[in-house]
Amino acid sequence: MALLRAGALPADALAASAQFHAVMLPRVVAELERGESVVLVFAPADHTHRGWRLAAVQGLARRYAPVRVNAVAGDDEAAIAAAARYLASAKGVTGQLLPLAG
């Protein structure tokens, strides 16, 4: 399972979505087309980012099933690692955006 970090995105939700789709999405699609499940890591953001993040993850999960796509949002490395371990073992979980409280 590939752990892909979205990196620094703009604070504005629309600008963040545009940057993610332009820059990060091609990397995600390349992993998925190789048959590699993906966990996206987003930095914490306010509630205005939830919609576009969830839509992206769910759309990718539907398109590339049975390859799995999930995302976490947080900046605590221990929490990110724990979530990645859980998602690697949870074979039925896909299309989810999990906020982490690390």
N, C-alpha and C. Protein backbone atom coordinates (compact mmCIF):
# COMPACT_ATOMS: atom_id res chain seq x y z
N MET A 1 0.83 -1.17 0.00
CA MET A 1 0.00 0.00 0.00
C MET A 1 0.89 1.24 0.00
N ALA A 2 0.65 2.12 -0.95
CA ALA A 2 1.45 3.34 -1.08
C ALA A 2 0.88 4.43 -0.18
N LEU A 3 1.76 5.10 0.55
CA LEU A 3 1.40 6.24 1.38
C LEU A 3 1.85 7.49 0.62
N LEU A 4 0.90 8.26 0.13
CA LEU A 4 1.21 9.44 -0.68
C LEU A 4 0.78 10.70 0.06
N ARG A 5 1.72 11.59 0.27
CA ARG A 5 1.45 12.84 0.99
C ARG A 5 1.10 13.95 0.01
N ALA A 6 -0.03 14.60 0.29
CA ALA A 6 -0.49 15.67 -0.59
C ALA A 6 0.39 16.91 -0.48
N GLY A 7 1.15 17.03 0.58
CA GLY A 7 2.04 18.18 0.74
C GLY A 7 1.28 19.43 1.10
N ALA A 8 1.98 20.54 1.03
CA ALA A 8 1.37 21.82 1.40
C ALA A 8 0.38 22.25 0.32
N LEU A 9 -0.83 22.50 0.75
CA LEU A 9 -1.88 22.97 -0.15
C LEU A 9 -2.37 24.33 0.35
N PRO A 10 -2.94 25.14 -0.53
CA PRO A 10 -3.45 26.45 -0.11
C PRO A 10 -4.51 26.33 0.98
N ALA A 11 -4.67 27.37 1.77
CA ALA A 11 -5.69 27.40 2.82
C ALA A 11 -7.10 27.48 2.25
N ASP A 12 -7.23 28.12 1.10
CA ASP A 12 -8.53 28.22 0.43
C ASP A 12 -8.90 26.87 -0.16
N ALA A 13 -10.09 26.37 0.14
CA ALA A 13 -10.49 25.03 -0.30
C ALA A 13 -10.52 24.88 -1.82
N LEU A 14 -11.03 25.86 -2.53
CA LEU A 14 -11.10 25.77 -3.99
C LEU A 14 -9.70 25.74 -4.60
N ALA A 15 -8.82 26.57 -4.11
CA ALA A 15 -7.44 26.59 -4.60
C ALA A 15 -6.71 25.29 -4.24
N ALA A 16 -6.97 24.77 -3.04
CA ALA A 16 -6.35 23.52 -2.62
C ALA A 16 -6.80 22.36 -3.51
N SER A 17 -8.09 22.32 -3.79
CA SER A 17 -8.62 21.27 -4.66
C SER A 17 -8.00 21.34 -6.06
N ALA A 18 -7.91 22.54 -6.59
CA ALA A 18 -7.33 22.71 -7.92
C ALA A 18 -5.86 22.26 -7.94
N GLN A 19 -5.11 22.63 -6.92
CA GLN A 19 -3.70 22.23 -6.87
C GLN A 19 -3.57 20.71 -6.71
N PHE A 20 -4.38 20.12 -5.85
CA PHE A 20 -4.34 18.67 -5.66
C PHE A 20 -4.62 17.96 -6.98
N HIS A 21 -5.67 18.36 -7.66
CA HIS A 21 -6.04 17.69 -8.91
C HIS A 21 -4.99 17.90 -10.01
N ALA A 22 -4.35 19.04 -10.04
CA ALA A 22 -3.35 19.31 -11.07
C ALA A 22 -2.02 18.63 -10.79
N VAL A 23 -1.61 18.61 -9.52
CA VAL A 23 -0.27 18.15 -9.17
C VAL A 23 -0.25 16.72 -8.64
N MET A 24 -1.13 16.42 -7.71
CA MET A 24 -1.08 15.15 -6.99
C MET A 24 -1.84 14.03 -7.68
N LEU A 25 -2.96 14.36 -8.28
CA LEU A 25 -3.81 13.34 -8.87
C LEU A 25 -3.09 12.44 -9.88
N PRO A 26 -2.24 12.98 -10.75
CA PRO A 26 -1.53 12.09 -11.68
C PRO A 26 -0.67 11.03 -10.97
N ARG A 27 -0.04 11.39 -9.85
CA ARG A 27 0.75 10.42 -9.07
C ARG A 27 -0.13 9.34 -8.47
N VAL A 28 -1.30 9.76 -7.96
CA VAL A 28 -2.23 8.81 -7.36
C VAL A 28 -2.73 7.84 -8.43
N VAL A 29 -3.14 8.36 -9.55
CA VAL A 29 -3.65 7.52 -10.64
C VAL A 29 -2.58 6.54 -11.11
N ALA A 30 -1.34 6.98 -11.21
CA ALA A 30 -0.26 6.08 -11.64
C ALA A 30 -0.13 4.89 -10.69
N GLU A 31 -0.19 5.14 -9.38
CA GLU A 31 -0.13 4.05 -8.40
C GLU A 31 -1.31 3.10 -8.57
N LEU A 32 -2.49 3.67 -8.70
CA LEU A 32 -3.70 2.85 -8.82
C LEU A 32 -3.69 2.02 -10.09
N GLU A 33 -3.22 2.58 -11.18
CA GLU A 33 -3.18 1.83 -12.43
C GLU A 33 -2.16 0.70 -12.40
N ARG A 34 -1.19 0.78 -11.48
CA ARG A 34 -0.25 -0.33 -11.26
C ARG A 34 -0.85 -1.40 -10.35
N GLY A 35 -2.06 -1.12 -9.83
CA GLY A 35 -2.71 -2.06 -8.94
C GLY A 35 -2.32 -1.89 -7.48
N GLU A 36 -1.69 -0.77 -7.16
CA GLU A 36 -1.24 -0.50 -5.79
C GLU A 36 -2.30 0.29 -5.04
N SER A 37 -2.76 -0.22 -3.89
CA SER A 37 -3.68 0.53 -3.04
C SER A 37 -2.97 1.77 -2.50
N VAL A 38 -3.75 2.80 -2.21
CA VAL A 38 -3.18 4.09 -1.82
C VAL A 38 -3.84 4.62 -0.55
N VAL A 39 -3.03 5.19 0.31
CA VAL A 39 -3.51 6.00 1.42
C VAL A 39 -2.94 7.40 1.20
N LEU A 40 -3.84 8.37 1.00
CA LEU A 40 -3.44 9.76 0.84
C LEU A 40 -3.33 10.39 2.22
N VAL A 41 -2.34 11.23 2.40
CA VAL A 41 -2.15 11.93 3.66
C VAL A 41 -2.32 13.43 3.40
N PHE A 42 -3.36 13.99 4.00
CA PHE A 42 -3.61 15.42 3.92
C PHE A 42 -3.23 16.07 5.23
N ALA A 43 -2.73 17.29 5.17
CA ALA A 43 -2.49 18.07 6.37
C ALA A 43 -3.84 18.47 6.97
N PRO A 44 -3.88 18.74 8.26
CA PRO A 44 -5.13 19.23 8.84
C PRO A 44 -5.60 20.49 8.13
N ALA A 45 -6.91 20.63 8.00
CA ALA A 45 -7.50 21.81 7.37
C ALA A 45 -8.89 22.03 7.97
N ASP A 46 -9.45 23.19 7.74
CA ASP A 46 -10.78 23.46 8.28
C ASP A 46 -11.85 22.68 7.52
N HIS A 47 -13.08 22.81 7.99
CA HIS A 47 -14.20 22.02 7.46
C HIS A 47 -14.47 22.25 5.97
N THR A 48 -14.03 23.36 5.42
CA THR A 48 -14.31 23.65 4.01
C THR A 48 -13.57 22.71 3.06
N HIS A 49 -12.59 21.98 3.54
CA HIS A 49 -11.82 21.06 2.70
C HIS A 49 -12.41 19.65 2.67
N ARG A 50 -13.28 19.32 3.62
CA ARG A 50 -13.79 17.95 3.72
C ARG A 50 -14.50 17.51 2.44
N GLY A 51 -15.33 18.36 1.87
CA GLY A 51 -16.12 17.98 0.70
C GLY A 51 -15.27 17.56 -0.49
N TRP A 52 -14.31 18.40 -0.87
CA TRP A 52 -13.52 18.06 -2.06
C TRP A 52 -12.61 16.88 -1.81
N ARG A 53 -12.08 16.76 -0.59
CA ARG A 53 -11.22 15.62 -0.28
C ARG A 53 -11.99 14.32 -0.34
N LEU A 54 -13.17 14.30 0.29
CA LEU A 54 -13.98 13.09 0.30
C LEU A 54 -14.44 12.73 -1.11
N ALA A 55 -14.84 13.72 -1.89
CA ALA A 55 -15.27 13.46 -3.27
C ALA A 55 -14.14 12.86 -4.10
N ALA A 56 -12.94 13.37 -3.94
CA ALA A 56 -11.79 12.85 -4.68
C ALA A 56 -11.52 11.39 -4.30
N VAL A 57 -11.49 11.11 -3.00
CA VAL A 57 -11.20 9.75 -2.52
C VAL A 57 -12.29 8.79 -2.95
N GLN A 58 -13.54 9.17 -2.79
CA GLN A 58 -14.64 8.28 -3.17
C GLN A 58 -14.69 8.04 -4.67
N GLY A 59 -14.45 9.08 -5.45
CA GLY A 59 -14.43 8.91 -6.91
C GLY A 59 -13.33 7.97 -7.36
N LEU A 60 -12.14 8.12 -6.80
CA LEU A 60 -11.03 7.24 -7.14
C LEU A 60 -11.32 5.81 -6.70
N ALA A 61 -11.90 5.65 -5.52
CA ALA A 61 -12.22 4.31 -5.02
C ALA A 61 -13.22 3.61 -5.92
N ARG A 62 -14.22 4.31 -6.39
CA ARG A 62 -15.21 3.71 -7.30
C ARG A 62 -14.56 3.36 -8.64
N ARG A 63 -13.76 4.26 -9.16
CA ARG A 63 -13.18 4.05 -10.49
C ARG A 63 -12.18 2.91 -10.52
N TYR A 64 -11.38 2.76 -9.46
CA TYR A 64 -10.29 1.79 -9.48
C TYR A 64 -10.54 0.53 -8.66
N ALA A 65 -11.78 0.36 -8.17
CA ALA A 65 -12.09 -0.85 -7.42
C ALA A 65 -11.74 -2.08 -8.27
N PRO A 66 -11.19 -3.10 -7.69
CA PRO A 66 -11.07 -3.41 -6.27
C PRO A 66 -9.81 -2.86 -5.60
N VAL A 67 -8.99 -2.10 -6.32
CA VAL A 67 -7.85 -1.45 -5.68
C VAL A 67 -8.41 -0.41 -4.71
N ARG A 68 -7.84 -0.34 -3.52
CA ARG A 68 -8.40 0.50 -2.48
C ARG A 68 -7.73 1.87 -2.41
N VAL A 69 -8.56 2.88 -2.10
CA VAL A 69 -8.09 4.26 -1.93
C VAL A 69 -8.72 4.81 -0.66
N ASN A 70 -7.91 5.29 0.24
CA ASN A 70 -8.37 5.93 1.46
C ASN A 70 -7.51 7.16 1.71
N ALA A 71 -7.95 7.99 2.64
CA ALA A 71 -7.17 9.17 3.00
C ALA A 71 -7.26 9.40 4.50
N VAL A 72 -6.23 10.01 5.02
CA VAL A 72 -6.20 10.45 6.41
C VAL A 72 -5.85 11.94 6.40
N ALA A 73 -6.31 12.63 7.44
CA ALA A 73 -5.99 14.05 7.58
C ALA A 73 -5.41 14.25 8.98
N GLY A 74 -4.16 14.64 9.02
CA GLY A 74 -3.50 14.87 10.29
C GLY A 74 -2.03 15.15 10.09
N ASP A 75 -1.36 15.51 11.18
CA ASP A 75 0.08 15.79 11.07
C ASP A 75 0.90 15.06 12.12
N ASP A 76 0.27 14.19 12.89
CA ASP A 76 0.98 13.39 13.89
C ASP A 76 1.49 12.12 13.22
N GLU A 77 2.81 12.00 13.12
CA GLU A 77 3.39 10.87 12.38
C GLU A 77 3.03 9.51 12.97
N ALA A 78 2.95 9.42 14.30
CA ALA A 78 2.57 8.15 14.92
C ALA A 78 1.13 7.78 14.56
N ALA A 79 0.24 8.77 14.56
CA ALA A 79 -1.16 8.51 14.20
C ALA A 79 -1.28 8.13 12.73
N ILE A 80 -0.51 8.78 11.86
CA ILE A 80 -0.52 8.45 10.43
C ILE A 80 -0.04 7.02 10.23
N ALA A 81 1.03 6.64 10.89
CA ALA A 81 1.56 5.28 10.77
C ALA A 81 0.56 4.25 11.29
N ALA A 82 -0.08 4.54 12.40
CA ALA A 82 -1.08 3.61 12.96
C ALA A 82 -2.26 3.46 12.01
N ALA A 83 -2.73 4.56 11.45
CA ALA A 83 -3.85 4.51 10.50
C ALA A 83 -3.46 3.73 9.25
N ALA A 84 -2.25 3.94 8.77
CA ALA A 84 -1.78 3.21 7.58
C ALA A 84 -1.72 1.71 7.85
N ARG A 85 -1.25 1.32 9.03
CA ARG A 85 -1.22 -0.10 9.39
C ARG A 85 -2.63 -0.68 9.44
N TYR A 86 -3.54 0.06 10.05
CA TYR A 86 -4.93 -0.40 10.12
C TYR A 86 -5.51 -0.56 8.71
N LEU A 87 -5.35 0.46 7.88
CA LEU A 87 -5.93 0.41 6.53
C LEU A 87 -5.31 -0.70 5.68
N ALA A 88 -4.04 -1.00 5.89
CA ALA A 88 -3.40 -2.10 5.16
C ALA A 88 -4.03 -3.43 5.51
N SER A 89 -4.52 -3.57 6.73
CA SER A 89 -5.10 -4.84 7.15
C SER A 89 -6.61 -4.89 6.99
N ALA A 90 -7.25 -3.76 6.75
CA ALA A 90 -8.71 -3.70 6.63
C ALA A 90 -9.10 -3.78 5.16
N LYS A 91 -9.13 -4.99 4.65
CA LYS A 91 -9.30 -5.21 3.20
C LYS A 91 -10.62 -4.69 2.62
N GLY A 92 -11.64 -4.50 3.47
CA GLY A 92 -12.92 -4.03 2.96
C GLY A 92 -13.11 -2.52 3.03
N VAL A 93 -12.14 -1.81 3.54
CA VAL A 93 -12.28 -0.36 3.74
C VAL A 93 -11.70 0.37 2.53
N THR A 94 -12.54 1.14 1.87
CA THR A 94 -12.09 1.96 0.74
C THR A 94 -13.01 3.17 0.60
N GLY A 95 -12.48 4.24 0.04
CA GLY A 95 -13.27 5.45 -0.18
C GLY A 95 -13.50 6.26 1.08
N GLN A 96 -12.64 6.12 2.07
CA GLN A 96 -12.84 6.79 3.36
C GLN A 96 -11.82 7.91 3.56
N LEU A 97 -12.28 8.96 4.24
CA LEU A 97 -11.42 10.06 4.68
C LEU A 97 -11.47 10.06 6.20
N LEU A 98 -10.36 9.72 6.83
CA LEU A 98 -10.32 9.57 8.28
C LEU A 98 -9.56 10.74 8.91
N PRO A 99 -10.24 11.57 9.71
CA PRO A 99 -9.51 12.62 10.43
C PRO A 99 -8.78 11.98 11.61
N LEU A 100 -7.53 12.36 11.79
CA LEU A 100 -6.72 11.79 12.87
C LEU A 100 -6.57 12.79 14.01
N ALA A 101 -6.66 12.28 15.21
CA ALA A 101 -6.42 13.09 16.40
C ALA A 101 -5.23 12.50 17.10
N GLY A 102 -4.03 12.92 16.70
CA GLY A 102 -2.81 12.29 17.17
C GLY A 102 -2.28 12.80 18.44
